[in-house]
Amino acid sequence: MTAAGAAYGEAMLIAFSVAPTVAADDTGSVSDAVARAIRVVRDAGLPHRTDAMFTTIEGEWDECMAVVKQCCDVLAETSPRVGLVLKADIRPGWTGELDGKLERLEDALGRQQDD
């Protein structure tokens, strides 16, 4: 197995957004559908964080991709079409990056402020 191939068995971050392409009502809201997907994320037990635009999960490739697939499947139960945006940070040897990346960013901001 190559070094790149081995990376898929290690921790990674996946930021994704999943939503039905058809809104539930004339307001255009997809909140109820997205809440069903977020329930899948929370039930998966992986470290995660949700903000207004994306949900980020941390885990190994197969477990992260399984969560993303299950979120899409849940939405497909009630929508004829599902949209998915996904970004992955595959960095072998690094774990705890859901918080670690933010801590390093805050440290950098603090150093710049001191300059």
C-alpha atoms as a PDB file:
ATOM      1  CA  MET A   1       0.000   0.000   0.000  1.00  0.00           C
ATOM      2  CA  THR A   2       1.276   3.464  -0.828  1.00  0.00           C
ATOM      3  CA  ALA A   3       1.604   6.224   1.734  1.00  0.00           C
ATOM      4  CA  ALA A   4      -1.381   7.940   0.143  1.00  0.00           C
ATOM      5  CA  GLY A   5      -3.391   4.722   0.315  1.00  0.00           C
ATOM      6  CA  ALA A   6      -2.554   4.332   3.988  1.00  0.00           C
ATOM      7  CA  ALA A   7      -3.898   7.839   4.654  1.00  0.00           C
ATOM      8  CA  TYR A   8      -7.435   6.690   4.027  1.00  0.00           C
ATOM      9  CA  GLY A   9      -7.275   4.524   7.144  1.00  0.00           C
ATOM     10  CA  GLU A  10      -6.317   7.459   9.345  1.00  0.00           C
ATOM     11  CA  ALA A  11      -8.284  10.333  10.809  1.00  0.00           C
ATOM     12  CA  MET A  12      -9.525  12.967   8.421  1.00  0.00           C
ATOM     13  CA  LEU A  13     -11.890  15.897   8.407  1.00  0.00           C
ATOM     14  CA  ILE A  14     -14.848  16.066   6.071  1.00  0.00           C
ATOM     15  CA  ALA A  15     -16.875  19.247   5.798  1.00  0.00           C
ATOM     16  CA  PHE A  16     -20.130  18.671   3.974  1.00  0.00           C
ATOM     17  CA  SER A  17     -23.463  20.214   3.238  1.00  0.00           C
ATOM     18  CA  VAL A  18     -26.403  18.086   2.194  1.00  0.00           C
ATOM     19  CA  ALA A  19     -29.901  19.301   1.378  1.00  0.00           C
ATOM     20  CA  PRO A  20     -32.921  18.339  -0.682  1.00  0.00           C
ATOM     21  CA  THR A  21     -33.197  20.281  -3.909  1.00  0.00           C
ATOM     22  CA  VAL A  22     -36.921  20.749  -3.295  1.00  0.00           C
ATOM     23  CA  ALA A  23     -38.018  22.887  -0.341  1.00  0.00           C
ATOM     24  CA  ALA A  24     -40.719  21.644   2.002  1.00  0.00           C
ATOM     25  CA  ASP A  25     -42.857  24.764   1.571  1.00  0.00           C
ATOM     26  CA  ASP A  26     -43.090  28.116  -0.192  1.00  0.00           C
ATOM     27  CA  THR A  27     -40.615  29.741   2.230  1.00  0.00           C
ATOM     28  CA  GLY A  28     -37.786  27.742   0.678  1.00  0.00           C
ATOM     29  CA  SER A  29     -36.794  26.288   4.047  1.00  0.00           C
ATOM     30  CA  VAL A  30     -35.018  22.947   4.190  1.00  0.00           C
ATOM     31  CA  SER A  31     -34.478  23.028   7.975  1.00  0.00           C
ATOM     32  CA  ASP A  32     -36.566  19.948   8.779  1.00  0.00           C
ATOM     33  CA  ALA A  33     -34.762  17.865   6.163  1.00  0.00           C
ATOM     34  CA  VAL A  34     -31.336  19.088   7.254  1.00  0.00           C
ATOM     35  CA  ALA A  35     -32.261  18.303  10.869  1.00  0.00           C
ATOM     36  CA  ARG A  36     -32.841  14.672   9.843  1.00  0.00           C
ATOM     37  CA  ALA A  37     -29.344  14.584   8.349  1.00  0.00           C
ATOM     38  CA  ILE A  38     -27.805  16.173  11.441  1.00  0.00           C
ATOM     39  CA  ARG A  39     -29.513  13.535  13.589  1.00  0.00           C
ATOM     40  CA  VAL A  40     -27.629  10.922  11.536  1.00  0.00           C
ATOM     41  CA  VAL A  41     -24.347  12.747  12.236  1.00  0.00           C
ATOM     42  CA  ARG A  42     -25.019  12.977  15.963  1.00  0.00           C
ATOM     43  CA  ASP A  43     -26.082   9.350  16.215  1.00  0.00           C
ATOM     44  CA  ALA A  44     -22.875   8.258  14.433  1.00  0.00           C
ATOM     45  CA  GLY A  45     -20.811   9.272  17.462  1.00  0.00           C
ATOM     46  CA  LEU A  46     -17.965  10.876  15.510  1.00  0.00           C
ATOM     47  CA  PRO A  47     -16.522  14.200  16.627  1.00  0.00           C
ATOM     48  CA  HIS A  48     -18.485  16.835  14.716  1.00  0.00           C
ATOM     49  CA  ARG A  49     -19.353  20.506  14.492  1.00  0.00           C
ATOM     50  CA  THR A  50     -22.250  22.118  12.625  1.00  0.00           C
ATOM     51  CA  ASP A  51     -22.449  25.751  11.578  1.00  0.00           C
ATOM     52  CA  ALA A  52     -24.799  27.690   9.308  1.00  0.00           C
ATOM     53  CA  MET A  53     -23.286  26.292   6.114  1.00  0.00           C
ATOM     54  CA  PHE A  54     -21.508  22.979   6.792  1.00  0.00           C
ATOM     55  CA  THR A  55     -21.153  20.076   9.152  1.00  0.00           C
ATOM     56  CA  THR A  56     -17.607  18.862   9.777  1.00  0.00           C
ATOM     57  CA  ILE A  57     -16.937  15.343  11.007  1.00  0.00           C
ATOM     58  CA  GLU A  58     -13.678  13.674  12.003  1.00  0.00           C
ATOM     59  CA  GLY A  59     -12.897   9.993  11.628  1.00  0.00           C
ATOM     60  CA  GLU A  60     -11.477   7.415   9.271  1.00  0.00           C
ATOM     61  CA  TRP A  61     -12.360   7.486   5.566  1.00  0.00           C
ATOM     62  CA  ASP A  62     -14.857   4.615   5.621  1.00  0.00           C
ATOM     63  CA  GLU A  63     -16.707   5.779   8.726  1.00  0.00           C
ATOM     64  CA  CYS A  64     -16.906   9.399   7.516  1.00  0.00           C
ATOM     65  CA  MET A  65     -18.085   8.422   4.048  1.00  0.00           C
ATOM     66  CA  ALA A  66     -20.671   6.066   5.576  1.00  0.00           C
ATOM     67  CA  VAL A  67     -22.118   8.977   7.576  1.00  0.00           C
ATOM     68  CA  VAL A  68     -22.246  11.210   4.491  1.00  0.00           C
ATOM     69  CA  LYS A  69     -23.949   8.452   2.505  1.00  0.00           C
ATOM     70  CA  GLN A  70     -26.486   7.833   5.258  1.00  0.00           C
ATOM     71  CA  CYS A  71     -27.291  11.564   5.398  1.00  0.00           C
ATOM     72  CA  CYS A  72     -27.911  11.565   1.647  1.00  0.00           C
ATOM     73  CA  ASP A  73     -30.035   8.420   1.936  1.00  0.00           C
ATOM     74  CA  VAL A  74     -32.192   9.948   4.681  1.00  0.00           C
ATOM     75  CA  LEU A  75     -32.915  12.995   2.548  1.00  0.00           C
ATOM     76  CA  ALA A  76     -33.551  10.900  -0.563  1.00  0.00           C
ATOM     77  CA  GLU A  77     -36.408   9.207   1.296  1.00  0.00           C
ATOM     78  CA  THR A  78     -38.469  12.408   0.955  1.00  0.00           C
ATOM     79  CA  SER A  79     -36.834  14.304  -1.898  1.00  0.00           C
ATOM     80  CA  PRO A  80     -36.505  13.369  -5.562  1.00  0.00           C
ATOM     81  CA  ARG A  81     -33.050  14.947  -5.648  1.00  0.00           C
ATOM     82  CA  VAL A  82     -30.324  15.633  -3.064  1.00  0.00           C
ATOM     83  CA  GLY A  83     -27.460  18.108  -3.315  1.00  0.00           C
ATOM     84  CA  LEU A  84     -24.112  17.374  -1.670  1.00  0.00           C
ATOM     85  CA  VAL A  85     -21.040  19.581  -1.272  1.00  0.00           C
ATOM     86  CA  LEU A  86     -18.027  17.880   0.298  1.00  0.00           C
ATOM     87  CA  LYS A  87     -14.502  18.976   1.211  1.00  0.00           C
ATOM     88  CA  ALA A  88     -11.976  16.646   2.832  1.00  0.00           C
ATOM     89  CA  ASP A  89      -8.714  17.278   4.672  1.00  0.00           C
ATOM     90  CA  ILE A  90      -6.669  14.079   4.462  1.00  0.00           C
ATOM     91  CA  ARG A  91      -3.542  14.577   6.578  1.00  0.00           C
ATOM     92  CA  PRO A  92      -1.807  11.377   7.693  1.00  0.00           C
ATOM     93  CA  GLY A  93      -0.574  11.330  11.255  1.00  0.00           C
ATOM     94  CA  TRP A  94      -2.841  14.097  12.533  1.00  0.00           C
ATOM     95  CA  THR A  95      -5.817  13.533  14.818  1.00  0.00           C
ATOM     96  CA  GLY A  96      -7.947  15.880  16.887  1.00  0.00           C
ATOM     97  CA  GLU A  97      -7.941  18.378  14.061  1.00  0.00           C
ATOM     98  CA  LEU A  98     -11.555  19.434  14.532  1.00  0.00           C
ATOM     99  CA  ASP A  99     -10.248  21.539  17.414  1.00  0.00           C
ATOM    100  CA  GLY A 100      -6.522  21.512  16.638  1.00  0.00           C
ATOM    101  CA  LYS A 101      -6.809  23.559  13.444  1.00  0.00           C
ATOM    102  CA  LEU A 102      -8.836  26.227  15.241  1.00  0.00           C
ATOM    103  CA  GLU A 103      -6.402  26.349  18.157  1.00  0.00           C
ATOM    104  CA  ARG A 104      -3.465  26.903  15.775  1.00  0.00           C
ATOM    105  CA  LEU A 105      -5.417  29.616  13.956  1.00  0.00           C
ATOM    106  CA  GLU A 106      -6.218  31.427  17.223  1.00  0.00           C
ATOM    107  CA  ASP A 107      -2.545  31.173  18.241  1.00  0.00           C
ATOM    108  CA  ALA A 108      -1.486  32.692  14.911  1.00  0.00           C
ATOM    109  CA  LEU A 109      -4.004  35.516  15.301  1.00  0.00           C
ATOM    110  CA  GLY A 110      -2.702  36.191  18.800  1.00  0.00           C
ATOM    111  CA  ARG A 111       0.898  36.336  17.563  1.00  0.00           C
ATOM    112  CA  GLN A 112      -0.053  38.730  14.770  1.00  0.00           C
ATOM    113  CA  GLN A 113      -1.886  40.964  17.196  1.00  0.00           C
ATOM    114  CA  ASP A 114       1.234  41.134  19.368  1.00  0.00           C
ATOM    115  CA  ASP A 115       3.377  42.258  16.410  1.00  0.00           C
END
